[in-house]
């Protein structure tokens, strides 16, 4: 079986999609809490609204997983959905950030909740098919790993560009509104997400595409796929406790004097990631993916605690500690969503059910569930008497000269640094039971594709 089944234009368009999608997600996760806090809404009210929105996620992601497995459009399994998503995601990003300021706080919360529910639904439609698409592009696990590793890097490029650009535009030096910034970025998102729908080919036949299975069988699939459970338990714990993204701009503004300091933090984080990510494909040919991921996650938890303990003494020390933390963090972020195709192969090999839509829907759900980090951060911040603010940019906030108490600033630092460090440590526990390694996945993929018999694969598998 050849290691290269895709063309470079296909891969480039796949990576471009991730860049645009990464822009959308990073703008929502990085800017939404700040935007709402500057809209005159109390932190606890925002937190309750965000939790309510996630109740919809518990239904919509599972529903779409079922739909994705059972509804098959002409033109492919993933591509028709992506053509719909490439329009909806940028459009609804604009809608979320155009809350009419004439509304009272209750009206603003309603606008936010409804528009965010629609955005979440559109993002699910964009997320499940794009990760499934790589399994339809190639059967070679080494090629999949390489494509997905670069895709994660492309998403981080989108995150970097968005965080830098959006922070600059809404900072006190420029003063663009969040709505204007969202509109400009949405145009770029659309252009980046467009090519994959017309360039990529679904060349791997989905042998079980017409299989019908009951809800009971779906539940049995999830129950039987122990690695699906263990990996995404780790992912959810680590993600929900990553409360720093909700308050990074305020950390920069109140601790270091300017919202633009967050761009320096982003640079300190991104440089190690930019160095490591292009090498990941070569590294993974020599090192087992999960072992590299696990020990990087351990190192990240340890270095995150160091940032909390020593980061406030000076800006240079803070940036240095952030850069050290970024080395293991970069490996974790590059690899964290490359495990679902492995888990899909394991699920199909052990259960005989190709419920990839369910597996990728759980990935999408987990990816959006971790946005509960925002309300969690706000809940904790609310315990420290955070003063509500009303301004459409940091330029307006600087003009108002609103100060926060020492208690509130202490809570801000805890939310930004200590909570993520503790969460990263706790999240390691379920990974101790994860034993799905590259060699085993390749054997199962070949058996699932009919290249070798199941018995042949079973004899060569490690103890799982």
Protein backbone atom coordinates (compact mmCIF):
# COMPACT_ATOMS: atom_id res chain seq x y z
CA UNK A 1 0.00 0.00 0.00
CA UNK A 2 1.50 3.32 -1.07
CA UNK A 3 2.20 6.02 1.52
CA UNK A 4 1.06 8.77 -0.86
CA UNK A 5 -2.43 8.63 -2.31
CA UNK A 6 -3.23 12.36 -2.40
CA UNK A 7 -2.00 15.26 -4.52
CA UNK A 8 -0.41 18.43 -3.18
CA UNK A 9 -3.30 20.70 -4.33
CA UNK A 10 -5.69 18.48 -2.39
CA UNK A 11 -3.61 18.72 0.74
CA UNK A 12 -3.09 22.46 0.31
CA UNK A 13 -6.83 23.09 0.01
CA UNK A 14 -7.44 20.84 3.03
CA UNK A 15 -4.95 22.87 5.07
CA UNK A 16 -6.43 26.14 3.79
CA UNK A 17 -9.83 25.07 5.10
CA UNK A 18 -8.34 24.50 8.55
CA UNK A 19 -6.80 27.96 8.48
CA UNK A 20 -10.19 29.57 7.83
CA UNK A 21 -11.95 27.34 10.32
CA UNK A 22 -9.26 28.07 12.90
CA UNK A 23 -9.85 31.78 12.39
CA UNK A 24 -13.55 31.36 13.12
CA UNK A 25 -13.03 29.30 16.26
CA UNK A 26 -10.20 31.45 17.61
CA UNK A 27 -12.14 34.67 17.07
CA UNK A 28 -15.14 33.25 18.95
CA UNK A 29 -13.16 31.74 21.80
CA UNK A 30 -10.64 34.58 22.06
CA UNK A 31 -12.87 37.60 21.64
CA UNK A 32 -16.44 36.66 22.56
CA UNK A 33 -16.07 36.84 26.34
CA UNK A 34 -14.25 40.17 26.09
CA UNK A 35 -16.91 41.49 23.71
CA UNK A 36 -19.72 40.48 26.05
CA UNK A 37 -17.98 41.82 29.15
CA UNK A 38 -17.55 45.15 27.36
CA UNK A 39 -21.25 45.16 26.43
CA UNK A 40 -22.35 45.97 29.97
CA UNK A 41 -23.50 42.43 30.88
CA UNK A 42 -22.56 40.97 34.28
CA UNK A 43 -20.02 38.14 34.20
CA UNK A 44 -22.31 35.63 35.94
CA UNK A 45 -25.18 36.34 33.52
CA UNK A 46 -22.89 35.73 30.55
CA UNK A 47 -21.71 32.50 32.16
CA UNK A 48 -25.26 31.20 32.66
CA UNK A 49 -26.16 32.06 29.05
CA UNK A 50 -23.10 30.23 27.73
CA UNK A 51 -23.94 27.12 29.72
CA UNK A 52 -27.50 27.20 28.38
CA UNK A 53 -26.17 27.32 24.82
CA UNK A 54 -24.08 24.21 25.48
CA UNK A 55 -27.23 22.26 26.35
CA UNK A 56 -28.13 22.58 22.67
CA UNK A 57 -24.72 21.17 21.78
CA UNK A 58 -25.49 18.01 23.72
CA UNK A 59 -28.35 17.42 21.29
CA UNK A 60 -27.21 18.96 18.01
CA UNK A 61 -23.81 17.28 17.75
CA UNK A 62 -25.21 13.83 18.43
CA UNK A 63 -28.07 14.49 16.01
CA UNK A 64 -25.69 15.57 13.28
CA UNK A 65 -23.51 12.52 13.86
CA UNK A 66 -26.55 10.33 13.15
CA UNK A 67 -27.52 12.44 10.12
CA UNK A 68 -23.97 12.37 8.77
CA UNK A 69 -23.83 8.57 8.93
CA UNK A 70 -27.28 8.06 7.40
CA UNK A 71 -27.77 10.90 4.89
CA UNK A 72 -25.64 10.69 1.76
CA UNK A 73 -25.79 13.41 -0.86
CA UNK A 74 -24.73 13.10 -4.46
CA UNK A 75 -21.14 14.27 -4.72
CA UNK A 76 -19.63 12.57 -1.70
CA UNK A 77 -20.03 11.97 1.99
CA UNK A 78 -18.14 15.01 3.34
CA UNK A 79 -17.84 17.51 0.48
CA UNK A 80 -21.55 18.53 0.19
CA UNK A 81 -21.61 19.43 3.88
CA UNK A 82 -18.41 21.46 3.55
CA UNK A 83 -19.90 23.52 0.72
CA UNK A 84 -22.72 24.51 3.05
CA UNK A 85 -20.46 25.20 6.02
CA UNK A 86 -18.04 27.45 4.17
CA UNK A 87 -20.83 30.04 3.83
CA UNK A 88 -22.64 29.60 7.13
CA UNK A 89 -19.64 29.80 9.48
CA UNK A 90 -18.31 33.19 8.28
CA UNK A 91 -21.82 34.64 7.97
CA UNK A 92 -22.88 33.66 11.49
CA UNK A 93 -19.57 34.87 12.92
CA UNK A 94 -20.59 38.33 11.78
CA UNK A 95 -24.07 37.98 13.26
CA UNK A 96 -22.75 36.99 16.71
CA UNK A 97 -20.62 40.13 16.94
CA UNK A 98 -23.32 42.56 15.83
CA UNK A 99 -25.47 42.72 18.95
CA UNK A 100 -27.49 45.96 18.76
CA UNK A 101 -26.20 48.20 21.52
CA UNK A 102 -29.66 49.76 21.87
CA UNK A 103 -30.91 46.54 23.48
CA UNK A 104 -31.04 46.20 27.25
CA UNK A 105 -28.79 43.54 28.91
CA UNK A 106 -31.55 40.90 28.73
CA UNK A 107 -32.10 41.57 25.02
CA UNK A 108 -28.38 41.38 24.38
CA UNK A 109 -28.23 38.00 26.10
CA UNK A 110 -31.09 36.69 23.94
CA UNK A 111 -29.38 37.90 20.74
CA UNK A 112 -26.12 36.29 21.86
CA UNK A 113 -27.76 32.97 22.80
CA UNK A 114 -29.74 32.59 19.56
CA UNK A 115 -26.92 33.64 17.25
CA UNK A 116 -24.38 31.50 19.10
CA UNK A 117 -26.64 28.44 18.86
CA UNK A 118 -26.83 28.94 15.09
CA UNK A 119 -23.06 29.44 14.90
CA UNK A 120 -22.45 26.28 16.93
CA UNK A 121 -24.70 24.28 14.60
CA UNK A 122 -22.88 25.62 11.54
CA UNK A 123 -19.51 24.82 13.09
CA UNK A 124 -20.61 21.21 13.70
CA UNK A 125 -21.51 20.98 10.00
CA UNK A 126 -18.00 22.24 9.20
CA UNK A 127 -16.10 20.13 11.69
CA UNK A 128 -17.39 16.56 11.45
CA UNK A 129 -17.03 16.29 7.62
CA UNK A 130 -13.55 17.85 7.41
CA UNK A 131 -12.04 15.34 9.83
CA UNK A 132 -13.87 12.47 8.17
CA UNK A 133 -12.64 13.68 4.78
CA UNK A 134 -9.06 12.63 5.47
CA UNK A 135 -10.21 9.02 5.90
CA UNK A 136 -11.77 9.25 2.41
CA UNK A 137 -8.65 10.81 0.88
CA UNK A 138 -6.18 8.07 1.87
CA UNK A 139 -5.99 4.73 3.66
CA UNK A 140 -2.30 5.16 4.64
CA UNK A 141 -2.11 6.09 8.32
CA UNK A 142 1.29 7.73 7.93
CA UNK A 143 -0.10 9.99 5.23
CA UNK A 144 -3.18 10.74 7.35
CA UNK A 145 -1.01 11.62 10.32
CA UNK A 146 1.10 13.93 8.19
CA UNK A 147 -1.92 15.63 6.62
CA UNK A 148 -3.63 16.09 9.99
CA UNK A 149 -0.46 17.32 11.69
CA UNK A 150 -0.04 20.05 9.08
CA UNK A 151 -3.78 20.75 9.25
CA UNK A 152 -3.46 21.41 12.98
CA UNK A 153 -0.55 23.72 12.21
CA UNK A 154 -2.69 25.48 9.59
CA UNK A 155 -5.44 25.93 12.19
CA UNK A 156 -2.86 27.44 14.54
CA UNK A 157 -1.73 29.78 11.77
CA UNK A 158 -5.35 30.89 11.48
CA UNK A 159 -5.48 31.28 15.24
CA UNK A 160 -2.25 33.28 15.27
CA UNK A 161 -3.24 35.61 12.44
CA UNK A 162 -6.69 36.18 13.92
CA UNK A 163 -5.45 36.75 17.44
CA UNK A 164 -2.77 39.18 16.28
CA UNK A 165 -4.97 41.01 13.79
CA UNK A 166 -8.12 41.14 15.89
CA UNK A 167 -6.24 42.22 19.03
CA UNK A 168 -4.56 45.01 17.09
CA UNK A 169 -7.85 46.17 15.56
CA UNK A 170 -9.81 46.31 18.84
CA UNK A 171 -6.88 47.59 20.95
CA UNK A 172 -6.75 51.04 22.51
CA UNK A 173 -4.29 52.12 19.77
CA UNK A 174 -6.69 51.43 16.86
CA UNK A 175 -10.18 51.19 18.33
CA UNK A 176 -12.10 49.21 15.68
CA UNK A 177 -15.39 47.81 16.95
CA UNK A 178 -15.74 44.04 17.37
CA UNK A 179 -18.45 44.02 14.68
CA UNK A 180 -16.23 45.66 12.07
CA UNK A 181 -13.39 43.31 12.95
CA UNK A 182 -15.66 40.27 12.62
CA UNK A 183 -16.85 41.37 9.18
CA UNK A 184 -13.34 41.83 7.83
CA UNK A 185 -12.19 38.47 9.14
CA UNK A 186 -15.30 36.67 7.84
CA UNK A 187 -14.40 37.57 4.25
CA UNK A 188 -10.97 36.01 4.73
CA UNK A 189 -12.51 32.89 6.33
CA UNK A 190 -14.78 32.36 3.32
CA UNK A 191 -11.92 32.65 0.83
CA UNK A 192 -9.79 30.17 2.77
CA UNK A 193 -12.53 27.57 3.30
CA UNK A 194 -13.71 27.64 -0.32
CA UNK A 195 -11.06 25.59 -2.24
CA UNK A 196 -11.40 22.23 -0.44
CA UNK A 197 -14.94 21.75 -1.75
CA UNK A 198 -13.73 21.78 -5.35
CA UNK A 199 -10.21 20.31 -5.20
CA UNK A 200 -10.27 17.30 -2.85
CA UNK A 201 -11.40 13.88 -4.11
CA UNK A 202 -13.09 11.24 -1.96
CA UNK A 203 -11.19 8.28 -3.39
CA UNK A 204 -11.53 5.76 -0.55
CA UNK A 205 -14.88 3.97 -0.79
CA UNK A 206 -16.89 3.93 2.41
CA UNK A 207 -17.78 0.26 2.39
CA UNK A 208 -20.41 0.63 5.09
CA UNK A 209 -21.94 3.85 3.75
CA UNK A 210 -25.35 2.28 3.40
CA UNK A 211 -25.27 0.43 6.73
CA UNK A 212 -28.26 1.17 8.95
CA UNK A 213 -27.90 0.75 12.68
CA UNK A 214 -30.09 1.47 15.67
CA UNK A 215 -29.60 3.91 18.53
CA UNK A 216 -28.85 0.92 20.73
CA UNK A 217 -26.08 -0.17 18.35
CA UNK A 218 -24.68 3.38 18.39
CA UNK A 219 -24.59 3.37 22.17
CA UNK A 220 -22.93 -0.04 22.11
CA UNK A 221 -20.34 1.34 19.69
CA UNK A 222 -19.47 4.22 22.01
CA UNK A 223 -19.49 1.92 25.03
CA UNK A 224 -17.24 -0.63 23.31
CA UNK A 225 -14.77 1.94 21.99
CA UNK A 226 -12.81 2.45 25.18
CA UNK A 227 -10.24 4.68 23.49
CA UNK A 228 -12.95 7.04 22.29
CA UNK A 229 -14.04 7.41 25.91
CA UNK A 230 -10.58 7.75 27.42
CA UNK A 231 -9.10 10.17 24.92
CA UNK A 232 -12.03 12.54 24.87
CA UNK A 233 -12.32 12.48 28.66
CA UNK A 234 -8.76 13.82 28.68
CA UNK A 235 -9.57 16.33 25.96
CA UNK A 236 -12.68 17.66 27.72
CA UNK A 237 -11.04 18.01 31.14
CA UNK A 238 -7.99 19.80 29.73
CA UNK A 239 -10.14 22.00 27.49
CA UNK A 240 -12.79 23.06 30.00
CA UNK A 241 -10.13 24.12 32.49
CA UNK A 242 -8.23 26.17 29.86
CA UNK A 243 -9.88 29.32 31.18
CA UNK A 244 -7.00 31.59 30.12
CA UNK A 245 -8.38 32.30 26.63
CA UNK A 246 -11.44 34.00 28.11
CA UNK A 247 -9.39 36.62 29.95
CA UNK A 248 -6.05 36.96 28.12
CA UNK A 249 -6.78 40.47 26.84
CA UNK A 250 -7.71 41.64 30.32
CA UNK A 251 -4.53 40.07 31.76
CA UNK A 252 -2.48 42.04 29.24
CA UNK A 253 -4.39 45.26 29.87
CA UNK A 254 -4.50 45.20 33.68
CA UNK A 255 -1.20 43.45 34.53
CA UNK A 256 1.10 44.76 31.80
CA UNK A 257 -0.51 48.05 30.72
CA UNK A 258 -1.88 47.33 27.23
CA UNK A 259 -4.10 44.85 25.44
CA UNK A 260 -1.38 44.65 22.77
CA UNK A 261 0.87 42.79 25.23
CA UNK A 262 -1.26 39.75 24.40
CA UNK A 263 0.29 39.85 20.91
CA UNK A 264 3.73 39.46 22.52
CA UNK A 265 2.37 36.53 24.51
CA UNK A 266 1.05 35.05 21.30
CA UNK A 267 4.45 35.47 19.62
CA UNK A 268 6.21 33.84 22.58
CA UNK A 269 3.79 30.92 22.25
CA UNK A 270 3.79 30.69 18.48
CA UNK A 271 7.52 30.71 17.72
CA UNK A 272 8.22 27.28 19.29
CA UNK A 273 5.05 25.93 17.67
CA UNK A 274 6.09 27.30 14.27
CA UNK A 275 9.46 25.57 14.58
CA UNK A 276 8.09 22.22 15.76
CA UNK A 277 4.99 21.83 13.61
CA UNK A 278 6.67 21.54 10.16
CA UNK A 279 8.95 18.85 11.59
CA UNK A 280 6.10 16.82 13.05
CA UNK A 281 5.61 14.63 9.98
CA UNK A 282 9.30 13.60 10.09
CA UNK A 283 9.22 13.14 13.87
CA UNK A 284 6.17 10.88 13.71
CA UNK A 285 7.95 8.54 11.32
CA UNK A 286 10.45 7.82 14.10
CA UNK A 287 8.47 8.33 17.30
CA UNK A 288 5.14 6.80 18.33
CA UNK A 289 2.52 9.53 18.19
CA UNK A 290 0.80 8.80 21.48
CA UNK A 291 3.99 8.51 23.52
CA UNK A 292 5.16 11.88 22.20
CA UNK A 293 1.76 13.38 22.95
CA UNK A 294 1.52 12.00 26.50
CA UNK A 295 4.90 13.18 27.73
CA UNK A 296 4.36 16.58 26.10
CA UNK A 297 1.07 16.86 28.01
CA UNK A 298 2.93 16.08 31.25
CA UNK A 299 5.53 18.77 30.50
CA UNK A 300 2.81 21.28 29.64
CA UNK A 301 1.07 20.81 33.00
CA UNK A 302 4.37 21.36 34.85
CA UNK A 303 5.40 24.47 32.90
CA UNK A 304 1.89 25.96 33.18
CA UNK A 305 2.28 25.86 36.96
CA UNK A 306 5.60 27.68 36.65
CA UNK A 307 3.91 30.52 34.75
CA UNK A 308 1.39 30.93 37.58
CA UNK A 309 4.08 30.96 40.28
CA UNK A 310 6.51 33.38 38.62
CA UNK A 311 4.76 35.20 35.79
CA UNK A 312 3.72 38.43 37.50
CA UNK A 313 7.19 39.59 38.58
CA UNK A 314 8.04 41.22 35.22
CA UNK A 315 6.99 41.19 31.58
CA UNK A 316 10.29 39.67 30.29
CA UNK A 317 10.08 36.84 32.83
CA UNK A 318 6.42 36.26 31.99
CA UNK A 319 7.16 36.04 28.26
CA UNK A 320 10.12 33.72 28.89
CA UNK A 321 8.02 31.33 30.97
CA UNK A 322 5.24 31.41 28.37
CA UNK A 323 7.77 30.55 25.64
CA UNK A 324 9.07 27.58 27.66
CA UNK A 325 5.51 26.37 28.22
CA UNK A 326 4.85 26.71 24.49
CA UNK A 327 7.30 23.93 23.56
CA UNK A 328 5.23 21.04 24.97
CA UNK A 329 2.02 22.99 24.35
CA UNK A 330 2.85 23.19 20.65
CA UNK A 331 3.23 19.43 20.38
CA UNK A 332 -0.05 18.86 22.23
CA UNK A 333 -1.97 21.33 20.05
CA UNK A 334 -0.49 19.91 16.86
CA UNK A 335 -1.42 16.33 17.69
CA UNK A 336 -4.53 16.57 19.86
CA UNK A 337 -7.12 16.06 17.10
CA UNK A 338 -5.13 13.55 15.06
CA UNK A 339 -6.30 10.64 17.24
CA UNK A 340 -9.92 10.43 16.08
CA UNK A 341 -9.13 8.65 12.77
CA UNK A 342 -7.15 6.10 14.82
CA UNK A 343 -10.10 5.65 17.16
CA UNK A 344 -12.44 5.24 14.16
CA UNK A 345 -10.26 2.44 12.80
CA UNK A 346 -10.22 0.75 16.21
CA UNK A 347 -14.00 1.07 16.54
CA UNK A 348 -14.65 -0.43 13.14
CA UNK A 349 -12.13 -3.23 13.70
CA UNK A 350 -13.54 -4.25 17.08
CA UNK A 351 -17.29 -3.70 16.54
CA UNK A 352 -17.73 -4.10 12.78
CA UNK A 353 -19.63 -0.78 12.71
CA UNK A 354 -18.23 2.10 10.69
CA UNK A 355 -19.91 4.79 12.82
CA UNK A 356 -17.36 7.44 11.92
CA UNK A 357 -20.04 10.13 11.99
CA UNK A 358 -20.64 9.37 15.67
CA UNK A 359 -16.90 9.42 16.45
CA UNK A 360 -16.32 12.70 14.63
CA UNK A 361 -19.48 14.18 16.14
CA UNK A 362 -18.11 13.39 19.58
CA UNK A 363 -14.90 15.13 18.54
CA UNK A 364 -16.86 18.15 17.38
CA UNK A 365 -18.98 18.11 20.52
CA UNK A 366 -15.90 17.88 22.71
CA UNK A 367 -14.31 20.71 20.74
CA UNK A 368 -17.27 22.95 21.44
CA UNK A 369 -17.89 21.64 24.95
CA UNK A 370 -14.49 22.92 25.98
CA UNK A 371 -15.77 26.41 25.30
CA UNK A 372 -17.35 25.95 28.74
CA UNK A 373 -13.93 27.18 29.80
CA UNK A 374 -15.34 30.64 29.13
CA UNK A 375 -18.30 30.46 31.55
CA UNK A 376 -16.15 28.56 34.07
CA UNK A 377 -13.61 31.39 33.97
CA UNK A 378 -16.40 33.95 34.33
CA UNK A 379 -17.96 32.08 37.26
CA UNK A 380 -14.61 32.09 39.06
CA UNK A 381 -13.92 35.71 38.12
CA UNK A 382 -17.34 36.68 39.48
CA UNK A 383 -16.32 35.28 42.88
CA UNK A 384 -13.59 37.93 43.07
CA UNK A 385 -15.87 41.00 42.71
CA UNK A 386 -15.08 41.82 39.08
CA UNK A 387 -16.51 45.23 38.11
CA UNK A 388 -18.86 45.20 35.04
CA UNK A 389 -17.66 47.24 32.05
CA UNK A 390 -19.32 48.94 29.08
CA UNK A 391 -17.14 49.86 26.08
CA UNK A 392 -16.98 48.71 22.44
CA UNK A 393 -13.16 48.60 22.36
CA UNK A 394 -10.13 48.94 24.61
CA UNK A 395 -9.70 52.51 23.40
CA UNK A 396 -13.08 53.29 24.95
CA UNK A 397 -12.14 51.34 28.09
CA UNK A 398 -8.94 53.33 28.45
CA UNK A 399 -10.91 56.56 28.11
CA UNK A 400 -13.29 55.46 30.88
CA UNK A 401 -10.32 54.54 33.13
CA UNK A 402 -12.22 51.78 34.95
CA UNK A 403 -10.03 50.16 37.63
CA UNK A 404 -10.40 46.73 39.22
CA UNK A 405 -9.72 45.89 42.87
CA UNK A 406 -6.73 43.86 44.03
CA UNK A 407 -9.10 41.01 44.81
CA UNK A 408 -10.48 41.08 41.26
CA UNK A 409 -6.98 41.12 39.75
CA UNK A 410 -5.95 38.16 41.92
CA UNK A 411 -8.97 36.27 40.60
CA UNK A 412 -8.03 37.28 37.05
CA UNK A 413 -4.55 35.74 37.44
CA UNK A 414 -5.96 32.53 38.95
CA UNK A 415 -8.39 32.17 36.06
CA UNK A 416 -5.63 32.85 33.52
CA UNK A 417 -2.89 30.60 34.92
CA UNK A 418 -3.68 28.37 37.92
CA UNK A 419 -6.93 26.80 36.75
CA UNK A 420 -5.42 25.66 33.39
CA UNK A 421 -2.36 24.21 35.15
CA UNK A 422 -4.44 22.16 37.58
CA UNK A 423 -6.78 20.99 34.82
CA UNK A 424 -3.90 19.89 32.59
CA UNK A 425 -2.59 17.72 35.42
CA UNK A 426 -5.94 16.09 36.23
CA UNK A 427 -6.60 15.42 32.53
CA UNK A 428 -3.59 13.09 32.35
CA UNK A 429 -5.36 10.43 34.43
CA UNK A 430 -7.57 8.92 31.67
CA UNK A 431 -4.59 8.89 29.27
CA UNK A 432 -2.89 6.33 31.53
CA UNK A 433 -5.30 3.75 30.07
CA UNK A 434 -4.74 4.69 26.41
CA UNK A 435 -2.68 2.02 24.59
CA UNK A 436 -3.56 2.56 20.91
CA UNK A 437 -0.27 3.00 19.06
CA UNK A 438 0.69 3.70 15.45
CA UNK A 439 1.66 0.15 14.45
CA UNK A 440 -1.64 -1.26 15.69
CA UNK A 441 -3.68 1.42 13.94
CA UNK A 442 -1.95 0.70 10.62
CA UNK A 443 -2.76 -3.01 10.90
CA UNK A 444 -6.41 -2.28 11.70
CA UNK A 445 -6.65 0.23 8.84
CA UNK A 446 -5.33 -2.35 6.39
CA UNK A 447 -7.76 -4.96 7.67
CA UNK A 448 -10.68 -2.51 7.51
CA UNK A 449 -9.73 -1.60 3.94
CA UNK A 450 -9.57 -5.28 2.95
CA UNK A 451 -5.81 -5.24 2.31
CA UNK A 452 -5.21 -8.00 4.84
CA UNK A 453 -7.52 -10.37 6.69
CA UNK A 454 -8.81 -9.58 10.15
CA UNK A 455 -7.18 -12.73 11.52
CA UNK A 456 -3.80 -11.71 10.09
CA UNK A 457 -4.10 -8.32 11.74
CA UNK A 458 -5.30 -9.81 15.02
CA UNK A 459 -2.22 -12.05 15.27
CA UNK A 460 0.13 -9.08 14.87
CA UNK A 461 -1.64 -6.63 17.15
CA UNK A 462 -0.21 -5.67 20.49
CA UNK A 463 -2.33 -6.25 23.56
CA UNK A 464 -4.97 -3.51 23.47
